[in-house]
PDB file of N, CA and C in Angstrom:
ATOM      1  N   MET A   1     162.726 125.679 183.183  1.00  0.00           N
ATOM      2  CA  MET A   1     161.922 124.825 184.033  1.00  0.00           C
ATOM      3  C   MET A   1     162.824 123.747 184.639  1.00  0.00           C
ATOM      4  N   PRO A   2     162.788 123.599 185.960  1.00  0.00           N
ATOM      5  CA  PRO A   2     163.653 122.593 186.599  1.00  0.00           C
ATOM      6  C   PRO A   2     163.216 121.175 186.252  1.00  0.00           C
ATOM      7  N   LYS A   3     164.170 120.248 186.358  1.00  0.00           N
ATOM      8  CA  LYS A   3     163.861 118.844 186.118  1.00  0.00           C
ATOM      9  C   LYS A   3     162.940 118.331 187.214  1.00  0.00           C
ATOM     10  N   LYS A   4     162.179 117.314 186.881  1.00  0.00           N
ATOM     11  CA  LYS A   4     161.298 116.655 187.837  1.00  0.00           C
ATOM     12  C   LYS A   4     161.984 115.396 188.361  1.00  0.00           C
ATOM     13  N   ILE A   5     161.546 114.939 189.515  1.00  0.00           N
ATOM     14  CA  ILE A   5     162.101 113.717 190.110  1.00  0.00           C
ATOM     15  C   ILE A   5     161.944 112.545 189.136  1.00  0.00           C
ATOM     16  N   ARG A   6     160.800 112.469 188.433  1.00  0.00           N
ATOM     17  CA  ARG A   6     160.579 111.350 187.499  1.00  0.00           C
ATOM     18  C   ARG A   6     161.625 111.353 186.386  1.00  0.00           C
ATOM     19  N   GLU A   7     162.114 112.537 185.988  1.00  0.00           N
ATOM     20  CA  GLU A   7     163.146 112.604 184.949  1.00  0.00           C
ATOM     21  C   GLU A   7     164.471 112.053 185.476  1.00  0.00           C
ATOM     22  N   LEU A   8     164.791 112.356 186.737  1.00  0.00           N
ATOM     23  CA  LEU A   8     166.020 111.822 187.331  1.00  0.00           C
ATOM     24  C   LEU A   8     165.948 110.297 187.426  1.00  0.00           C
ATOM     25  N   LEU A   9     164.790 109.786 187.814  1.00  0.00           N
ATOM     26  CA  LEU A   9     164.634 108.336 187.916  1.00  0.00           C
ATOM     27  C   LEU A   9     164.786 107.679 186.543  1.00  0.00           C
ATOM     28  N   GLY A  10     164.275 108.322 185.505  1.00  0.00           N
ATOM     29  CA  GLY A  10     164.433 107.805 184.152  1.00  0.00           C
ATOM     30  C   GLY A  10     165.885 107.762 183.724  1.00  0.00           C
ATOM     31  N   GLU A  11     166.639 108.814 184.070  1.00  0.00           N
ATOM     32  CA  GLU A  11     168.070 108.837 183.744  1.00  0.00           C
ATOM     33  C   GLU A  11     168.797 107.694 184.445  1.00  0.00           C
ATOM     34  N   LEU A  12     168.449 107.453 185.702  1.00  0.00           N
ATOM     35  CA  LEU A  12     169.095 106.369 186.445  1.00  0.00           C
ATOM     36  C   LEU A  12     168.783 105.015 185.804  1.00  0.00           C
ATOM     37  N   GLU A  13     167.531 104.791 185.434  1.00  0.00           N
ATOM     38  CA  GLU A  13     167.157 103.516 184.831  1.00  0.00           C
ATOM     39  C   GLU A  13     167.832 103.316 183.478  1.00  0.00           C
ATOM     40  N   ARG A  14     167.954 104.368 182.688  1.00  0.00           N
ATOM     41  CA  ARG A  14     168.643 104.262 181.391  1.00  0.00           C
ATOM     42  C   ARG A  14     170.128 103.974 181.577  1.00  0.00           C
ATOM     43  N   ALA A  15     170.694 104.409 182.722  1.00  0.00           N
ATOM     44  CA  ALA A  15     172.112 104.172 182.998  1.00  0.00           C
ATOM     45  C   ALA A  15     172.359 102.787 183.598  1.00  0.00           C
ATOM     46  N   GLY A  16     171.285 102.009 183.810  1.00  0.00           N
ATOM     47  CA  GLY A  16     171.449 100.651 184.300  1.00  0.00           C
ATOM     48  C   GLY A  16     171.173 100.468 185.781  1.00  0.00           C
ATOM     49  N   PHE A  17     170.697 101.503 186.469  1.00  0.00           N
ATOM     50  CA  PHE A  17     170.371 101.377 187.882  1.00  0.00           C
ATOM     51  C   PHE A  17     169.050 100.633 188.023  1.00  0.00           C
ATOM     52  N   VAL A  18     168.925  99.882 189.113  1.00  0.00           N
ATOM     53  CA  VAL A  18     167.728  99.093 189.378  1.00  0.00           C
ATOM     54  C   VAL A  18     167.126  99.562 190.694  1.00  0.00           C
ATOM     55  N   SER A  19     165.811  99.800 190.696  1.00  0.00           N
ATOM     56  CA  SER A  19     165.128 100.216 191.914  1.00  0.00           C
ATOM     57  C   SER A  19     165.026  99.040 192.862  1.00  0.00           C
ATOM     58  N   ARG A  20     165.388  99.244 194.118  1.00  0.00           N
ATOM     59  CA  ARG A  20     165.233  98.191 195.118  1.00  0.00           C
ATOM     60  C   ARG A  20     164.236  98.597 196.191  1.00  0.00           C
ATOM     61  N   GLY A  21     163.275  99.446 195.782  1.00  0.00           N
ATOM     62  CA  GLY A  21     162.201  99.832 196.690  1.00  0.00           C
ATOM     63  C   GLY A  21     162.576 101.013 197.569  1.00  0.00           C
ATOM     64  N   GLY A  22     161.744 101.259 198.544  1.00  0.00           N
ATOM     65  CA  GLY A  22     161.985 102.360 199.452  1.00  0.00           C
ATOM     66  C   GLY A  22     160.801 102.507 200.380  1.00  0.00           C
ATOM     67  N   LYS A  23     160.850 103.533 201.195  1.00  0.00           N
ATOM     68  CA  LYS A  23     159.787 103.759 202.164  1.00  0.00           C
ATOM     69  C   LYS A  23     159.308 105.195 202.014  1.00  0.00           C
ATOM     70  N   GLY A  24     158.023 105.369 201.837  1.00  0.00           N
ATOM     71  CA  GLY A  24     157.484 106.716 201.663  1.00  0.00           C
ATOM     72  C   GLY A  24     157.902 107.279 200.320  1.00  0.00           C
ATOM     73  N   SER A  25     158.455 108.485 200.337  1.00  0.00           N
ATOM     74  CA  SER A  25     158.853 109.129 199.093  1.00  0.00           C
ATOM     75  C   SER A  25     160.309 108.839 198.728  1.00  0.00           C
ATOM     76  N   HIS A  26     160.969 107.949 199.464  1.00  0.00           N
ATOM     77  CA  HIS A  26     162.367 107.623 199.188  1.00  0.00           C
ATOM     78  C   HIS A  26     162.447 106.402 198.279  1.00  0.00           C
ATOM     79  N   ARG A  27     163.365 106.473 197.313  1.00  0.00           N
ATOM     80  CA  ARG A  27     163.587 105.362 196.388  1.00  0.00           C
ATOM     81  C   ARG A  27     165.074 105.031 196.387  1.00  0.00           C
ATOM     82  N   ASN A  28     165.370 103.749 196.547  1.00  0.00           N
ATOM     83  CA  ASN A  28     166.752 103.287 196.588  1.00  0.00           C
ATOM     84  C   ASN A  28     167.098 102.622 195.261  1.00  0.00           C
ATOM     85  N   PHE A  29     168.273 102.947 194.748  1.00  0.00           N
ATOM     86  CA  PHE A  29     168.739 102.383 193.486  1.00  0.00           C
ATOM     87  C   PHE A  29     170.120 101.777 193.675  1.00  0.00           C
ATOM     88  N   THR A  30     170.358 100.684 192.960  1.00  0.00           N
ATOM     89  CA  THR A  30     171.680 100.070 192.932  1.00  0.00           C
ATOM     90  C   THR A  30     172.075  99.846 191.484  1.00  0.00           C
ATOM     91  N   HIS A  31     173.366  99.791 191.275  1.00  0.00           N
ATOM     92  CA  HIS A  31     173.919  99.511 189.949  1.00  0.00           C
ATOM     93  C   HIS A  31     174.753  98.241 190.078  1.00  0.00           C
ATOM     94  N   PRO A  32     174.790  97.416 189.046  1.00  0.00           N
ATOM     95  CA  PRO A  32     175.593  96.186 189.121  1.00  0.00           C
ATOM     96  C   PRO A  32     177.056  96.429 189.490  1.00  0.00           C
ATOM     97  N   SER A  33     177.575  97.627 189.257  1.00  0.00           N
ATOM     98  CA  SER A  33     178.967  97.934 189.609  1.00  0.00           C
ATOM     99  C   SER A  33     179.138  98.197 191.095  1.00  0.00           C
ATOM    100  N   GLY A  34     178.022  98.254 191.846  1.00  0.00           N
ATOM    101  CA  GLY A  34     178.105  98.458 193.289  1.00  0.00           C
ATOM    102  C   GLY A  34     177.734  99.852 193.762  1.00  0.00           C
ATOM    103  N   VAL A  35     177.412 100.746 192.861  1.00  0.00           N
ATOM    104  CA  VAL A  35     177.043 102.117 193.220  1.00  0.00           C
ATOM    105  C   VAL A  35     175.616 102.115 193.770  1.00  0.00           C
ATOM    106  N   VAL A  36     175.422 102.805 194.907  1.00  0.00           N
ATOM    107  CA  VAL A  36     174.120 102.863 195.577  1.00  0.00           C
ATOM    108  C   VAL A  36     173.696 104.322 195.698  1.00  0.00           C
ATOM    109  N   LEU A  37     172.386 104.571 195.580  1.00  0.00           N
ATOM    110  CA  LEU A  37     171.869 105.940 195.597  1.00  0.00           C
ATOM    111  C   LEU A  37     170.444 105.938 196.119  1.00  0.00           C
ATOM    112  N   THR A  38     170.092 106.966 196.916  1.00  0.00           N
ATOM    113  CA  THR A  38     168.727 107.158 197.391  1.00  0.00           C
ATOM    114  C   THR A  38     168.245 108.519 196.935  1.00  0.00           C
ATOM    115  N   ILE A  39     167.060 108.557 196.340  1.00  0.00           N
ATOM    116  CA  ILE A  39     166.431 109.803 195.886  1.00  0.00           C
ATOM    117  C   ILE A  39     165.117 109.960 196.636  1.00  0.00           C
ATOM    118  N   SER A  40     164.868 111.157 197.142  1.00  0.00           N
ATOM    119  CA  SER A  40     163.615 111.410 197.840  1.00  0.00           C
ATOM    120  C   SER A  40     162.782 112.418 197.063  1.00  0.00           C
ATOM    121  N   GLY A  41     161.464 112.333 197.242  1.00  0.00           N
ATOM    122  CA  GLY A  41     160.553 113.264 196.604  1.00  0.00           C
ATOM    123  C   GLY A  41     159.509 112.544 195.778  1.00  0.00           C
ATOM    124  N   CYS A  42     158.358 113.170 195.637  1.00  0.00           N
ATOM    125  CA  CYS A  42     157.290 112.627 194.798  1.00  0.00           C
ATOM    126  C   CYS A  42     157.667 112.810 193.335  1.00  0.00           C
ATOM    127  N   LEU A  43     157.111 111.984 192.470  1.00  0.00           N
ATOM    128  CA  LEU A  43     157.485 111.991 191.056  1.00  0.00           C
ATOM    129  C   LEU A  43     157.318 113.362 190.404  1.00  0.00           C
ATOM    130  N   GLY A  44     156.294 114.103 190.752  1.00  0.00           N
ATOM    131  CA  GLY A  44     156.026 115.393 190.123  1.00  0.00           C
ATOM    132  C   GLY A  44     156.742 116.567 190.755  1.00  0.00           C
ATOM    133  N   ASP A  45     157.498 116.341 191.824  1.00  0.00           N
ATOM    134  CA  ASP A  45     158.214 117.430 192.490  1.00  0.00           C
ATOM    135  C   ASP A  45     159.394 117.905 191.652  1.00  0.00           C
ATOM    136  N   ASP A  46     159.722 119.182 191.792  1.00  0.00           N
ATOM    137  CA  ASP A  46     160.928 119.706 191.160  1.00  0.00           C
ATOM    138  C   ASP A  46     162.143 119.125 191.872  1.00  0.00           C
ATOM    139  N   ALA A  47     163.128 118.703 191.093  1.00  0.00           N
ATOM    140  CA  ALA A  47     164.364 118.170 191.670  1.00  0.00           C
ATOM    141  C   ALA A  47     165.208 119.315 192.198  1.00  0.00           C
ATOM    142  N   LYS A  48     165.812 119.102 193.340  1.00  0.00           N
ATOM    143  CA  LYS A  48     166.698 120.103 193.936  1.00  0.00           C
ATOM    144  C   LYS A  48     168.042 120.049 193.208  1.00  0.00           C
ATOM    145  N   PRO A  49     168.764 121.175 193.173  1.00  0.00           N
ATOM    146  CA  PRO A  49     170.063 121.179 192.478  1.00  0.00           C
ATOM    147  C   PRO A  49     171.024 120.102 192.990  1.00  0.00           C
ATOM    148  N   TYR A  50     171.021 119.842 194.308  1.00  0.00           N
ATOM    149  CA  TYR A  50     171.936 118.830 194.828  1.00  0.00           C
ATOM    150  C   TYR A  50     171.545 117.433 194.346  1.00  0.00           C
ATOM    151  N   GLN A  51     170.253 117.196 194.111  1.00  0.00           N
ATOM    152  CA  GLN A  51     169.815 115.892 193.612  1.00  0.00           C
ATOM    153  C   GLN A  51     170.268 115.687 192.167  1.00  0.00           C
ATOM    154  N   ILE A  52     170.160 116.726 191.366  1.00  0.00           N
ATOM    155  CA  ILE A  52     170.593 116.641 189.967  1.00  0.00           C
ATOM    156  C   ILE A  52     172.091 116.363 189.909  1.00  0.00           C
ATOM    157  N   LYS A  53     172.844 117.078 190.728  1.00  0.00           N
ATOM    158  CA  LYS A  53     174.297 116.904 190.772  1.00  0.00           C
ATOM    159  C   LYS A  53     174.657 115.488 191.236  1.00  0.00           C
ATOM    160  N   LEU A  54     173.965 114.999 192.263  1.00  0.00           N
ATOM    161  CA  LEU A  54     174.248 113.671 192.797  1.00  0.00           C
ATOM    162  C   LEU A  54     173.968 112.581 191.765  1.00  0.00           C
ATOM    163  N   VAL A  55     172.867 112.707 191.041  1.00  0.00           N
ATOM    164  CA  VAL A  55     172.532 111.716 190.015  1.00  0.00           C
ATOM    165  C   VAL A  55     173.609 111.700 188.928  1.00  0.00           C
ATOM    166  N   ARG A  56     174.043 112.879 188.491  1.00  0.00           N
ATOM    167  CA  ARG A  56     175.107 112.933 187.467  1.00  0.00           C
ATOM    168  C   ARG A  56     176.388 112.290 187.964  1.00  0.00           C
ATOM    169  N   GLU A  57     176.765 112.581 189.221  1.00  0.00           N
ATOM    170  CA  GLU A  57     177.993 112.012 189.779  1.00  0.00           C
ATOM    171  C   GLU A  57     177.910 110.492 189.878  1.00  0.00           C
ATOM    172  N   LYS A  58     176.766 109.979 190.321  1.00  0.00           N
ATOM    173  CA  LYS A  58     176.611 108.533 190.482  1.00  0.00           C
ATOM    174  C   LYS A  58     176.591 107.811 189.134  1.00  0.00           C
ATOM    175  N   ILE A  59     175.988 108.432 188.127  1.00  0.00           N
ATOM    176  CA  ILE A  59     175.997 107.832 186.787  1.00  0.00           C
ATOM    177  C   ILE A  59     177.423 107.758 186.263  1.00  0.00           C
ATOM    178  N   GLU A  60     178.186 108.843 186.431  1.00  0.00           N
ATOM    179  CA  GLU A  60     179.595 108.836 186.007  1.00  0.00           C
ATOM    180  C   GLU A  60     180.388 107.781 186.771  1.00  0.00           C
ATOM    181  N   GLU A  61     180.148 107.697 188.069  1.00  0.00           N
ATOM    182  CA  GLU A  61     180.865 106.734 188.911  1.00  0.00           C
ATOM    183  C   GLU A  61     180.563 105.290 188.475  1.00  0.00           C
ATOM    184  N   SER A  62     179.346 105.033 188.065  1.00  0.00           N
ATOM    185  CA  SER A  62     178.962 103.676 187.667  1.00  0.00           C
ATOM    186  C   SER A  62     179.574 103.275 186.332  1.00  0.00           C
ATOM    187  N   GLN A  63     180.004 104.250 185.526  1.00  0.00           N
ATOM    188  CA  GLN A  63     180.567 103.951 184.214  1.00  0.00           C
ATOM    189  C   GLN A  63     182.065 103.722 184.246  1.00  0.00           C
ATOM    190  N   LYS A  64     182.682 103.854 185.400  1.00  0.00           N
ATOM    191  CA  LYS A  64     184.144 103.653 185.518  1.00  0.00           C
ATOM    192  C   LYS A  64     184.498 102.211 185.634  1.00  0.00           C
TER     193      LYS A  64
END
């Protein structure tokens, strides 16, 4: 079963990202280290493979 958008958002929040709002189904996140990320989709939607990959990359980037 693919991950849901809400699971990706939870991973970002646990990694220290803060939501700075968005418009429509888009959500913008920032990390105190300066990393910025936008995720689109409703909470119950299946996450696309590129979204999962992007979230992992941004979390790694924020930990450097």
